[in-house]
All heavy atoms as atom14 arrays in JSON, in Angstrom:
{
  "sequence": "NAERSFTDEPGCRSFDVVCDLADDHHFVFHELYDDEAAVEAHRAAPHF",
  "atom14_mask": [
    [1, 1, 1, 1, 1, 1, 1, 1, 0, 0, 0, 0, 0, 0],
    [1, 1, 1, 1, 1, 0, 0, 0, 0, 0, 0, 0, 0, 0],
    [1, 1, 1, 1, 1, 1, 1, 1, 1, 0, 0, 0, 0, 0],
    [1, 1, 1, 1, 1, 1, 1, 1, 1, 1, 1, 0, 0, 0],
    [1, 1, 1, 1, 1, 1, 0, 0, 0, 0, 0, 0, 0, 0],
    [1, 1, 1, 1, 1, 1, 1, 1, 1, 1, 1, 0, 0, 0],
    [1, 1, 1, 1, 1, 1, 1, 0, 0, 0, 0, 0, 0, 0],
    [1, 1, 1, 1, 1, 1, 1, 1, 0, 0, 0, 0, 0, 0],
    [1, 1, 1, 1, 1, 1, 1, 1, 1, 0, 0, 0, 0, 0],
    [1, 1, 1, 1, 1, 1, 1, 0, 0, 0, 0, 0, 0, 0],
    [1, 1, 1, 1, 0, 0, 0, 0, 0, 0, 0, 0, 0, 0],
    [1, 1, 1, 1, 1, 1, 0, 0, 0, 0, 0, 0, 0, 0],
    [1, 1, 1, 1, 1, 1, 1, 1, 1, 1, 1, 0, 0, 0],
    [1, 1, 1, 1, 1, 1, 0, 0, 0, 0, 0, 0, 0, 0],
    [1, 1, 1, 1, 1, 1, 1, 1, 1, 1, 1, 0, 0, 0],
    [1, 1, 1, 1, 1, 1, 1, 1, 0, 0, 0, 0, 0, 0],
    [1, 1, 1, 1, 1, 1, 1, 0, 0, 0, 0, 0, 0, 0],
    [1, 1, 1, 1, 1, 1, 1, 0, 0, 0, 0, 0, 0, 0],
    [1, 1, 1, 1, 1, 1, 0, 0, 0, 0, 0, 0, 0, 0],
    [1, 1, 1, 1, 1, 1, 1, 1, 0, 0, 0, 0, 0, 0],
    [1, 1, 1, 1, 1, 1, 1, 1, 0, 0, 0, 0, 0, 0],
    [1, 1, 1, 1, 1, 0, 0, 0, 0, 0, 0, 0, 0, 0],
    [1, 1, 1, 1, 1, 1, 1, 1, 0, 0, 0, 0, 0, 0],
    [1, 1, 1, 1, 1, 1, 1, 1, 0, 0, 0, 0, 0, 0],
    [1, 1, 1, 1, 1, 1, 1, 1, 1, 1, 0, 0, 0, 0],
    [1, 1, 1, 1, 1, 1, 1, 1, 1, 1, 0, 0, 0, 0],
    [1, 1, 1, 1, 1, 1, 1, 1, 1, 1, 1, 0, 0, 0],
    [1, 1, 1, 1, 1, 1, 1, 0, 0, 0, 0, 0, 0, 0],
    [1, 1, 1, 1, 1, 1, 1, 1, 1, 1, 1, 0, 0, 0],
    [1, 1, 1, 1, 1, 1, 1, 1, 1, 1, 0, 0, 0, 0],
    [1, 1, 1, 1, 1, 1, 1, 1, 1, 0, 0, 0, 0, 0],
    [1, 1, 1, 1, 1, 1, 1, 1, 0, 0, 0, 0, 0, 0],
    [1, 1, 1, 1, 1, 1, 1, 1, 1, 1, 1, 1, 0, 0],
    [1, 1, 1, 1, 1, 1, 1, 1, 0, 0, 0, 0, 0, 0],
    [1, 1, 1, 1, 1, 1, 1, 1, 0, 0, 0, 0, 0, 0],
    [1, 1, 1, 1, 1, 1, 1, 1, 1, 0, 0, 0, 0, 0],
    [1, 1, 1, 1, 1, 0, 0, 0, 0, 0, 0, 0, 0, 0],
    [1, 1, 1, 1, 1, 0, 0, 0, 0, 0, 0, 0, 0, 0],
    [1, 1, 1, 1, 1, 1, 1, 0, 0, 0, 0, 0, 0, 0],
    [1, 1, 1, 1, 1, 1, 1, 1, 1, 0, 0, 0, 0, 0],
    [1, 1, 1, 1, 1, 0, 0, 0, 0, 0, 0, 0, 0, 0],
    [1, 1, 1, 1, 1, 1, 1, 1, 1, 1, 0, 0, 0, 0],
    [1, 1, 1, 1, 1, 1, 1, 1, 1, 1, 1, 0, 0, 0],
    [1, 1, 1, 1, 1, 0, 0, 0, 0, 0, 0, 0, 0, 0],
    [1, 1, 1, 1, 1, 0, 0, 0, 0, 0, 0, 0, 0, 0],
    [1, 1, 1, 1, 1, 1, 1, 0, 0, 0, 0, 0, 0, 0],
    [1, 1, 1, 1, 1, 1, 1, 1, 1, 1, 0, 0, 0, 0],
    [1, 1, 1, 1, 1, 1, 1, 1, 1, 1, 1, 0, 0, 0]
  ],
  "atom14_positions": [
    [[-8.29, -11.37, -5.37], [-9.68, -10.97, -5.49], [-9.82, -9.67, -6.28], [-10.66, -9.57, -7.17], [-10.33, -10.86, -4.09], [-11.79, -10.49, -4.15], [-12.57, -11.14, -4.86], [-12.17, -9.44, -3.48], [0.0, 0.0, 0.0], [0.0, 0.0, 0.0], [0.0, 0.0, 0.0], [0.0, 0.0, 0.0], [0.0, 0.0, 0.0], [0.0, 0.0, 0.0]],
    [[-8.95, -8.71, -6.01], [-9.04, -7.42, -6.71], [-8.7, -7.6, -8.18], [-9.39, -7.07, -9.04], [-8.03, -6.44, -6.05], [0.0, 0.0, 0.0], [0.0, 0.0, 0.0], [0.0, 0.0, 0.0], [0.0, 0.0, 0.0], [0.0, 0.0, 0.0], [0.0, 0.0, 0.0], [0.0, 0.0, 0.0], [0.0, 0.0, 0.0], [0.0, 0.0, 0.0]],
    [[-7.67, -8.39, -8.49], [-7.28, -8.63, -9.88], [-8.44, -9.28, -10.64], [-8.77, -8.9, -11.76], [-6.04, -9.47, -9.96], [-4.78, -8.74, -9.61], [-3.56, -9.63, -9.59], [-3.6, -10.73, -10.13], [-2.53, -9.17, -9.03], [0.0, 0.0, 0.0], [0.0, 0.0, 0.0], [0.0, 0.0, 0.0], [0.0, 0.0, 0.0], [0.0, 0.0, 0.0]],
    [[-9.07, -10.26, -10.03], [-10.19, -10.96, -10.65], [-11.39, -10.01, -10.81], [-12.13, -10.12, -11.78], [-10.58, -12.21, -9.88], [-9.48, -13.25, -9.77], [-9.12, -13.8, -11.08], [-10.26, -14.44, -11.67], [-10.22, -15.38, -12.55], [-9.11, -15.84, -13.0], [-11.35, -15.87, -13.07], [0.0, 0.0, 0.0], [0.0, 0.0, 0.0], [0.0, 0.0, 0.0]],
    [[-11.59, -9.12, -9.85], [-12.69, -8.18, -9.99], [-12.51, -7.35, -11.25], [-13.48, -7.13, -11.98], [-12.72, -7.24, -8.76], [-13.13, -7.96, -7.6], [0.0, 0.0, 0.0], [0.0, 0.0, 0.0], [0.0, 0.0, 0.0], [0.0, 0.0, 0.0], [0.0, 0.0, 0.0], [0.0, 0.0, 0.0], [0.0, 0.0, 0.0], [0.0, 0.0, 0.0]],
    [[-11.34, -6.91, -11.52], [-11.11, -6.07, -12.71], [-11.22, -6.88, -14.0], [-11.75, -6.38, -15.0], [-9.75, -5.39, -12.68], [-9.7, -4.19, -11.76], [-8.85, -4.18, -10.71], [-10.55, -3.12, -11.99], [-8.84, -3.06, -9.86], [-10.54, -2.03, -11.17], [-9.67, -1.99, -10.07], [0.0, 0.0, 0.0], [0.0, 0.0, 0.0], [0.0, 0.0, 0.0]],
    [[-10.74, -8.12, -14.0], [-10.8, -8.9, -15.24], [-12.14, -9.54, -15.5], [-12.56, -9.7, -16.65], [-9.71, -10.0, -15.25], [-9.9, -10.86, -14.14], [-8.33, -9.39, -15.23], [0.0, 0.0, 0.0], [0.0, 0.0, 0.0], [0.0, 0.0, 0.0], [0.0, 0.0, 0.0], [0.0, 0.0, 0.0], [0.0, 0.0, 0.0], [0.0, 0.0, 0.0]],
    [[-12.9, -9.91, -14.42], [-14.11, -10.65, -14.6], [-15.35, -9.8, -14.49], [-16.47, -10.29, -14.84], [-14.22, -11.74, -13.53], [-13.14, -12.82, -13.65], [-12.37, -12.77, -14.66], [-13.05, -13.65, -12.75], [0.0, 0.0, 0.0], [0.0, 0.0, 0.0], [0.0, 0.0, 0.0], [0.0, 0.0, 0.0], [0.0, 0.0, 0.0], [0.0, 0.0, 0.0]],
    [[-15.25, -8.57, -14.02], [-16.43, -7.75, -13.74], [-16.29, -6.4, -14.45], [-15.55, -5.54, -13.98], [-16.6, -7.48, -12.24], [-16.69, -8.78, -11.47], [-16.44, -8.54, -9.96], [-16.7, -7.44, -9.49], [-16.02, -9.48, -9.3], [0.0, 0.0, 0.0], [0.0, 0.0, 0.0], [0.0, 0.0, 0.0], [0.0, 0.0, 0.0], [0.0, 0.0, 0.0]],
    [[-17.01, -6.21, -15.55], [-16.89, -4.96, -16.27], [-17.34, -3.72, -15.47], [-16.92, -2.59, -15.76], [-17.73, -5.14, -17.5], [-18.6, -6.3, -17.21], [-17.92, -7.11, -16.17], [0.0, 0.0, 0.0], [0.0, 0.0, 0.0], [0.0, 0.0, 0.0], [0.0, 0.0, 0.0], [0.0, 0.0, 0.0], [0.0, 0.0, 0.0], [0.0, 0.0, 0.0]],
    [[-18.16, -3.94, -14.43], [-18.63, -2.8, -13.65], [-17.72, -2.37, -12.5], [-18.03, -1.44, -11.79], [0.0, 0.0, 0.0], [0.0, 0.0, 0.0], [0.0, 0.0, 0.0], [0.0, 0.0, 0.0], [0.0, 0.0, 0.0], [0.0, 0.0, 0.0], [0.0, 0.0, 0.0], [0.0, 0.0, 0.0], [0.0, 0.0, 0.0], [0.0, 0.0, 0.0]],
    [[-16.59, -3.07, -12.28], [-15.66, -2.7, -11.19], [-14.73, -1.61, -11.71], [-14.01, -1.81, -12.69], [-14.88, -3.91, -10.74], [-13.75, -3.56, -9.41], [0.0, 0.0, 0.0], [0.0, 0.0, 0.0], [0.0, 0.0, 0.0], [0.0, 0.0, 0.0], [0.0, 0.0, 0.0], [0.0, 0.0, 0.0], [0.0, 0.0, 0.0], [0.0, 0.0, 0.0]],
    [[-14.74, -0.47, -11.07], [-13.95, 0.69, -11.52], [-12.69, 0.92, -10.68], [-11.69, 1.43, -11.2], [-14.78, 1.96, -11.52], [-15.93, 1.86, -12.46], [-15.43, 1.72, -13.87], [-16.54, 1.39, -14.76], [-16.43, 0.66, -15.84], [-15.25, 0.16, -16.18], [-17.43, 0.44, -16.59], [0.0, 0.0, 0.0], [0.0, 0.0, 0.0], [0.0, 0.0, 0.0]],
    [[-12.71, 0.65, -9.39], [-11.51, 0.77, -8.56], [-11.6, -0.13, -7.34], [-12.71, -0.49, -6.92], [-11.25, 2.25, -8.2], [-11.94, 2.62, -7.06], [0.0, 0.0, 0.0], [0.0, 0.0, 0.0], [0.0, 0.0, 0.0], [0.0, 0.0, 0.0], [0.0, 0.0, 0.0], [0.0, 0.0, 0.0], [0.0, 0.0, 0.0], [0.0, 0.0, 0.0]],
    [[-10.44, -0.47, -6.84], [-10.37, -1.39, -5.7], [-9.15, -0.93, -4.87], [-8.01, -1.18, -5.28], [-10.17, -2.82, -6.17], [-10.48, -3.86, -5.18], [-11.5, -4.79, -5.42], [-9.78, -3.98, -4.02], [-11.76, -5.8, -4.47], [-10.04, -4.97, -3.04], [-11.05, -5.89, -3.32], [0.0, 0.0, 0.0], [0.0, 0.0, 0.0], [0.0, 0.0, 0.0]],
    [[-9.38, -0.23, -3.8], [-8.31, 0.25, -2.94], [-8.32, -0.51, -1.62], [-9.39, -0.76, -1.08], [-8.45, 1.74, -2.62], [-8.38, 2.63, -3.86], [-7.4, 2.43, -4.61], [-9.27, 3.44, -4.06], [0.0, 0.0, 0.0], [0.0, 0.0, 0.0], [0.0, 0.0, 0.0], [0.0, 0.0, 0.0], [0.0, 0.0, 0.0], [0.0, 0.0, 0.0]],
    [[-7.15, -0.81, -1.09], [-7.02, -1.45, 0.2], [-6.04, -0.58, 1.0], [-4.93, -0.31, 0.54], [-6.5, -2.87, 0.11], [-6.34, -3.47, 1.48], [-7.43, -3.73, -0.77], [0.0, 0.0, 0.0], [0.0, 0.0, 0.0], [0.0, 0.0, 0.0], [0.0, 0.0, 0.0], [0.0, 0.0, 0.0], [0.0, 0.0, 0.0], [0.0, 0.0, 0.0]],
    [[-6.45, -0.16, 2.2], [-5.56, 0.62, 3.01], [-5.45, -0.07, 4.4], [-6.33, -0.81, 4.84], [-6.04, 2.1, 3.19], [-6.01, 2.79, 1.87], [-7.42, 2.15, 3.77], [0.0, 0.0, 0.0], [0.0, 0.0, 0.0], [0.0, 0.0, 0.0], [0.0, 0.0, 0.0], [0.0, 0.0, 0.0], [0.0, 0.0, 0.0], [0.0, 0.0, 0.0]],
    [[-4.34, 0.22, 5.04], [-4.05, -0.35, 6.35], [-3.93, 0.77, 7.35], [-3.26, 1.81, 7.09], [-2.76, -1.15, 6.26], [-2.23, -1.93, 7.81], [0.0, 0.0, 0.0], [0.0, 0.0, 0.0], [0.0, 0.0, 0.0], [0.0, 0.0, 0.0], [0.0, 0.0, 0.0], [0.0, 0.0, 0.0], [0.0, 0.0, 0.0], [0.0, 0.0, 0.0]],
    [[-4.51, 0.6, 8.49], [-4.45, 1.61, 9.56], [-3.0, 1.75, 10.05], [-2.37, 0.78, 10.4], [-5.37, 1.12, 10.7], [-5.61, 2.13, 11.78], [-4.67, 2.94, 12.05], [-6.68, 2.11, 12.39], [0.0, 0.0, 0.0], [0.0, 0.0, 0.0], [0.0, 0.0, 0.0], [0.0, 0.0, 0.0], [0.0, 0.0, 0.0], [0.0, 0.0, 0.0]],
    [[-2.49, 2.95, 10.1], [-1.12, 3.22, 10.57], [-0.94, 2.83, 12.03], [0.15, 2.41, 12.43], [-0.74, 4.65, 10.35], [-0.42, 5.05, 8.93], [-0.2, 6.58, 8.86], [0.81, 4.32, 8.4], [0.0, 0.0, 0.0], [0.0, 0.0, 0.0], [0.0, 0.0, 0.0], [0.0, 0.0, 0.0], [0.0, 0.0, 0.0], [0.0, 0.0, 0.0]],
    [[-1.99, 2.97, 12.81], [-1.88, 2.64, 14.25], [-2.08, 1.17, 14.54], [-1.75, 0.71, 15.62], [-2.9, 3.49, 15.03], [0.0, 0.0, 0.0], [0.0, 0.0, 0.0], [0.0, 0.0, 0.0], [0.0, 0.0, 0.0], [0.0, 0.0, 0.0], [0.0, 0.0, 0.0], [0.0, 0.0, 0.0], [0.0, 0.0, 0.0], [0.0, 0.0, 0.0]],
    [[-2.61, 0.4, 13.59], [-2.91, -0.99, 13.82], [-2.82, -1.72, 12.47], [-3.74, -1.72, 11.67], [-4.32, -1.13, 14.38], [-4.75, -2.58, 14.57], [-4.0, -3.5, 14.27], [-5.9, -2.81, 15.02], [0.0, 0.0, 0.0], [0.0, 0.0, 0.0], [0.0, 0.0, 0.0], [0.0, 0.0, 0.0], [0.0, 0.0, 0.0], [0.0, 0.0, 0.0]],
    [[-1.65, -2.35, 12.19], [-1.45, -2.94, 10.89], [-2.23, -4.24, 10.62], [-2.05, -4.92, 9.63], [0.02, -3.16, 10.58], [0.66, -4.24, 11.41], [0.05, -4.79, 12.31], [1.85, -4.59, 11.09], [0.0, 0.0, 0.0], [0.0, 0.0, 0.0], [0.0, 0.0, 0.0], [0.0, 0.0, 0.0], [0.0, 0.0, 0.0], [0.0, 0.0, 0.0]],
    [[-3.17, -4.54, 11.53], [-4.1, -5.65, 11.29], [-5.5, -5.17, 10.99], [-6.38, -5.97, 10.74], [-4.1, -6.57, 12.51], [-2.87, -7.38, 12.66], [-1.79, -6.9, 13.42], [-2.5, -8.56, 12.16], [-0.83, -7.78, 13.34], [-1.19, -8.79, 12.56], [0.0, 0.0, 0.0], [0.0, 0.0, 0.0], [0.0, 0.0, 0.0], [0.0, 0.0, 0.0]],
    [[-5.68, -3.86, 10.92], [-6.98, -3.28, 10.6], [-6.92, -2.75, 9.15], [-6.09, -1.92, 8.82], [-7.34, -2.14, 11.53], [-8.65, -1.5, 11.22], [-8.84, -0.16, 11.28], [-9.81, -2.05, 10.78], [-10.07, 0.12, 10.92], [-10.68, -1.0, 10.64], [0.0, 0.0, 0.0], [0.0, 0.0, 0.0], [0.0, 0.0, 0.0], [0.0, 0.0, 0.0]],
    [[-7.79, -3.25, 8.3], [-7.82, -2.9, 6.88], [-9.18, -2.34, 6.48], [-10.19, -2.69, 7.07], [-7.55, -4.17, 6.01], [-6.15, -4.65, 6.08], [-5.75, -5.48, 7.13], [-5.23, -4.27, 5.13], [-4.46, -5.94, 7.19], [-3.9, -4.72, 5.22], [-3.54, -5.57, 6.25], [0.0, 0.0, 0.0], [0.0, 0.0, 0.0], [0.0, 0.0, 0.0]],
    [[-9.13, -1.47, 5.5], [-10.36, -0.93, 4.9], [-10.19, -1.09, 3.37], [-9.18, -0.72, 2.83], [-10.58, 0.55, 5.28], [-11.77, 1.11, 4.56], [-10.74, 0.67, 6.76], [0.0, 0.0, 0.0], [0.0, 0.0, 0.0], [0.0, 0.0, 0.0], [0.0, 0.0, 0.0], [0.0, 0.0, 0.0], [0.0, 0.0, 0.0], [0.0, 0.0, 0.0]],
    [[-11.21, -1.65, 2.74], [-11.27, -1.7, 1.29], [-12.29, -0.65, 0.85], [-13.31, -0.47, 1.5], [-11.83, -3.03, 0.77], [-11.24, -4.29, 1.29], [-11.93, -5.45, 1.27], [-9.97, -4.29, 1.9], [-11.42, -6.64, 1.77], [-9.46, -5.46, 2.41], [-10.17, -6.63, 2.34], [0.0, 0.0, 0.0], [0.0, 0.0, 0.0], [0.0, 0.0, 0.0]],
    [[-12.02, -0.07, -0.3], [-12.94, 0.89, -0.87], [-13.03, 0.51, -2.34], [-12.06, 0.7, -3.09], [-12.46, 2.32, -0.7], [-13.44, 3.32, -1.17], [-14.61, 3.63, -0.5], [-13.46, 4.07, -2.28], [-15.28, 4.53, -1.18], [-14.62, 4.82, -2.25], [0.0, 0.0, 0.0], [0.0, 0.0, 0.0], [0.0, 0.0, 0.0], [0.0, 0.0, 0.0]],
    [[-14.16, -0.02, -2.77], [-14.33, -0.47, -4.12], [-15.43, 0.4, -4.8], [-16.41, 0.75, -4.18], [-14.78, -1.92, -4.14], [-13.85, -2.83, -3.38], [-14.44, -4.22, -3.16], [-15.03, -4.77, -4.08], [-14.27, -4.73, -2.03], [0.0, 0.0, 0.0], [0.0, 0.0, 0.0], [0.0, 0.0, 0.0], [0.0, 0.0, 0.0], [0.0, 0.0, 0.0]],
    [[-15.23, 0.74, -6.07], [-16.21, 1.5, -6.8], [-16.78, 0.66, -7.95], [-16.01, 0.05, -8.71], [-15.62, 2.8, -7.36], [-15.3, 3.9, -6.4], [-14.6, 5.07, -7.1], [-16.56, 4.37, -5.69], [0.0, 0.0, 0.0], [0.0, 0.0, 0.0], [0.0, 0.0, 0.0], [0.0, 0.0, 0.0], [0.0, 0.0, 0.0], [0.0, 0.0, 0.0]],
    [[-18.08, 0.67, -8.06], [-18.79, -0.06, -9.12], [-19.71, 0.91, -9.84], [-20.16, 1.88, -9.3], [-19.6, -1.19, -8.47], [-18.71, -2.23, -7.89], [-18.32, -2.17, -6.54], [-18.24, -3.3, -8.64], [-17.48, -3.1, -6.0], [-17.39, -4.25, -8.07], [-17.03, -4.16, -6.74], [-16.21, -5.09, -6.22], [0.0, 0.0, 0.0], [0.0, 0.0, 0.0]],
    [[-20.03, 0.58, -11.09], [-20.92, 1.4, -11.91], [-22.27, 1.66, -11.22], [-22.81, 2.73, -11.25], [-21.15, 0.78, -13.27], [-19.93, 0.88, -14.17], [-19.1, 1.8, -13.95], [-19.84, 0.1, -15.13], [0.0, 0.0, 0.0], [0.0, 0.0, 0.0], [0.0, 0.0, 0.0], [0.0, 0.0, 0.0], [0.0, 0.0, 0.0], [0.0, 0.0, 0.0]],
    [[-22.85, 0.58, -10.69], [-24.2, 0.65, -10.13], [-24.44, -0.55, -9.21], [-23.56, -1.38, -9.03], [-25.26, 0.71, -11.24], [-25.1, -0.41, -12.28], [-24.61, -1.5, -11.92], [-25.45, -0.18, -13.43], [0.0, 0.0, 0.0], [0.0, 0.0, 0.0], [0.0, 0.0, 0.0], [0.0, 0.0, 0.0], [0.0, 0.0, 0.0], [0.0, 0.0, 0.0]],
    [[-25.63, -0.61, -8.65], [-25.93, -1.72, -7.73], [-25.9, -3.07, -8.4], [-25.5, -4.07, -7.8], [-27.27, -1.47, -7.02], [-27.2, -0.3, -6.07], [-28.5, 0.01, -5.39], [-29.2, -0.96, -4.94], [-28.85, 1.19, -5.29], [0.0, 0.0, 0.0], [0.0, 0.0, 0.0], [0.0, 0.0, 0.0], [0.0, 0.0, 0.0], [0.0, 0.0, 0.0]],
    [[-26.25, -3.14, -9.67], [-26.2, -4.4, -10.45], [-24.77, -4.87, -10.54], [-24.51, -6.08, -10.47], [-26.83, -4.2, -11.83], [0.0, 0.0, 0.0], [0.0, 0.0, 0.0], [0.0, 0.0, 0.0], [0.0, 0.0, 0.0], [0.0, 0.0, 0.0], [0.0, 0.0, 0.0], [0.0, 0.0, 0.0], [0.0, 0.0, 0.0], [0.0, 0.0, 0.0]],
    [[-23.82, -3.95, -10.68], [-22.4, -4.35, -10.75], [-21.91, -4.88, -9.44], [-21.09, -5.82, -9.37], [-21.56, -3.14, -11.21], [0.0, 0.0, 0.0], [0.0, 0.0, 0.0], [0.0, 0.0, 0.0], [0.0, 0.0, 0.0], [0.0, 0.0, 0.0], [0.0, 0.0, 0.0], [0.0, 0.0, 0.0], [0.0, 0.0, 0.0], [0.0, 0.0, 0.0]],
    [[-22.39, -4.32, -8.31], [-22.02, -4.84, -6.99], [-22.59, -6.27, -6.85], [-21.9, -7.17, -6.34], [-22.59, -3.93, -5.86], [-22.37, -4.58, -4.49], [-21.92, -2.57, -5.92], [0.0, 0.0, 0.0], [0.0, 0.0, 0.0], [0.0, 0.0, 0.0], [0.0, 0.0, 0.0], [0.0, 0.0, 0.0], [0.0, 0.0, 0.0], [0.0, 0.0, 0.0]],
    [[-23.82, -6.47, -7.28], [-24.39, -7.82, -7.2], [-23.62, -8.8, -8.07], [-23.46, -9.96, -7.73], [-25.88, -7.79, -7.54], [-26.7, -7.09, -6.48], [-26.47, -7.63, -5.09], [-26.46, -8.85, -4.87], [-26.31, -6.81, -4.16], [0.0, 0.0, 0.0], [0.0, 0.0, 0.0], [0.0, 0.0, 0.0], [0.0, 0.0, 0.0], [0.0, 0.0, 0.0]],
    [[-23.18, -8.35, -9.25], [-22.36, -9.21, -10.13], [-21.08, -9.6, -9.45], [-20.6, -10.72, -9.56], [-22.1, -8.49, -11.47], [0.0, 0.0, 0.0], [0.0, 0.0, 0.0], [0.0, 0.0, 0.0], [0.0, 0.0, 0.0], [0.0, 0.0, 0.0], [0.0, 0.0, 0.0], [0.0, 0.0, 0.0], [0.0, 0.0, 0.0], [0.0, 0.0, 0.0]],
    [[-20.5, -8.64, -8.69], [-19.3, -8.94, -7.93], [-19.53, -10.02, -6.9], [-18.8, -11.0, -6.77], [-18.81, -7.63, -7.24], [-17.75, -7.89, -6.22], [-16.49, -8.3, -6.54], [-17.76, -7.74, -4.88], [-15.78, -8.4, -5.43], [-16.52, -8.1, -4.4], [0.0, 0.0, 0.0], [0.0, 0.0, 0.0], [0.0, 0.0, 0.0], [0.0, 0.0, 0.0]],
    [[-20.64, -9.89, -6.17], [-20.99, -10.87, -5.14], [-21.29, -12.24, -5.7], [-21.14, -13.26, -5.01], [-22.15, -10.35, -4.3], [-21.78, -9.17, -3.42], [-22.94, -8.67, -2.62], [-22.53, -7.63, -1.72], [-23.33, -6.69, -1.28], [-24.59, -6.64, -1.66], [-22.87, -5.78, -0.45], [0.0, 0.0, 0.0], [0.0, 0.0, 0.0], [0.0, 0.0, 0.0]],
    [[-21.76, -12.29, -6.95], [-22.12, -13.56, -7.59], [-20.95, -14.18, -8.32], [-21.06, -15.37, -8.75], [-23.29, -13.34, -8.52], [0.0, 0.0, 0.0], [0.0, 0.0, 0.0], [0.0, 0.0, 0.0], [0.0, 0.0, 0.0], [0.0, 0.0, 0.0], [0.0, 0.0, 0.0], [0.0, 0.0, 0.0], [0.0, 0.0, 0.0], [0.0, 0.0, 0.0]],
    [[-19.86, -13.47, -8.5], [-18.71, -13.95, -9.28], [-18.06, -15.12, -8.57], [-17.94, -15.14, -7.34], [-17.69, -12.83, -9.48], [0.0, 0.0, 0.0], [0.0, 0.0, 0.0], [0.0, 0.0, 0.0], [0.0, 0.0, 0.0], [0.0, 0.0, 0.0], [0.0, 0.0, 0.0], [0.0, 0.0, 0.0], [0.0, 0.0, 0.0], [0.0, 0.0, 0.0]],
    [[-17.59, -16.13, -9.33], [-16.96, -17.31, -8.72], [-15.76, -16.96, -7.84], [-15.58, -17.57, -6.79], [-16.51, -18.14, -9.91], [-17.45, -17.74, -11.01], [-17.75, -16.27, -10.78], [0.0, 0.0, 0.0], [0.0, 0.0, 0.0], [0.0, 0.0, 0.0], [0.0, 0.0, 0.0], [0.0, 0.0, 0.0], [0.0, 0.0, 0.0], [0.0, 0.0, 0.0]],
    [[-14.98, -15.96, -8.19], [-13.8, -15.64, -7.37], [-14.2, -15.06, -6.03], [-13.46, -15.1, -5.07], [-12.86, -14.67, -8.11], [-13.4, -13.3, -8.26], [-14.14, -12.94, -9.37], [-13.33, -12.21, -7.5], [-14.47, -11.68, -9.28], [-14.01, -11.2, -8.13], [0.0, 0.0, 0.0], [0.0, 0.0, 0.0], [0.0, 0.0, 0.0], [0.0, 0.0, 0.0]],
    [[-15.44, -14.49, -5.92], [-15.87, -13.94, -4.65], [-16.1, -15.07, -3.64], [-15.81, -14.9, -2.45], [-17.11, -13.11, -4.84], [-17.51, -12.34, -3.59], [-16.68, -11.32, -3.13], [-18.66, -12.61, -2.92], [-17.01, -10.61, -1.96], [-19.0, -11.93, -1.78], [-18.16, -10.9, -1.29], [0.0, 0.0, 0.0], [0.0, 0.0, 0.0], [0.0, 0.0, 0.0]]
  ]
}
């Protein structure tokens, strides 16, 4: 999903995934987009 975000969405600037050290089943993603339209383009993308 992250790779496709970068190749298919010009407004995707970063995509980080971190795992909680105390619980390796708890994840947090932090994605940066140019603007709200870029977030909506992400949600509308076929890979999403």
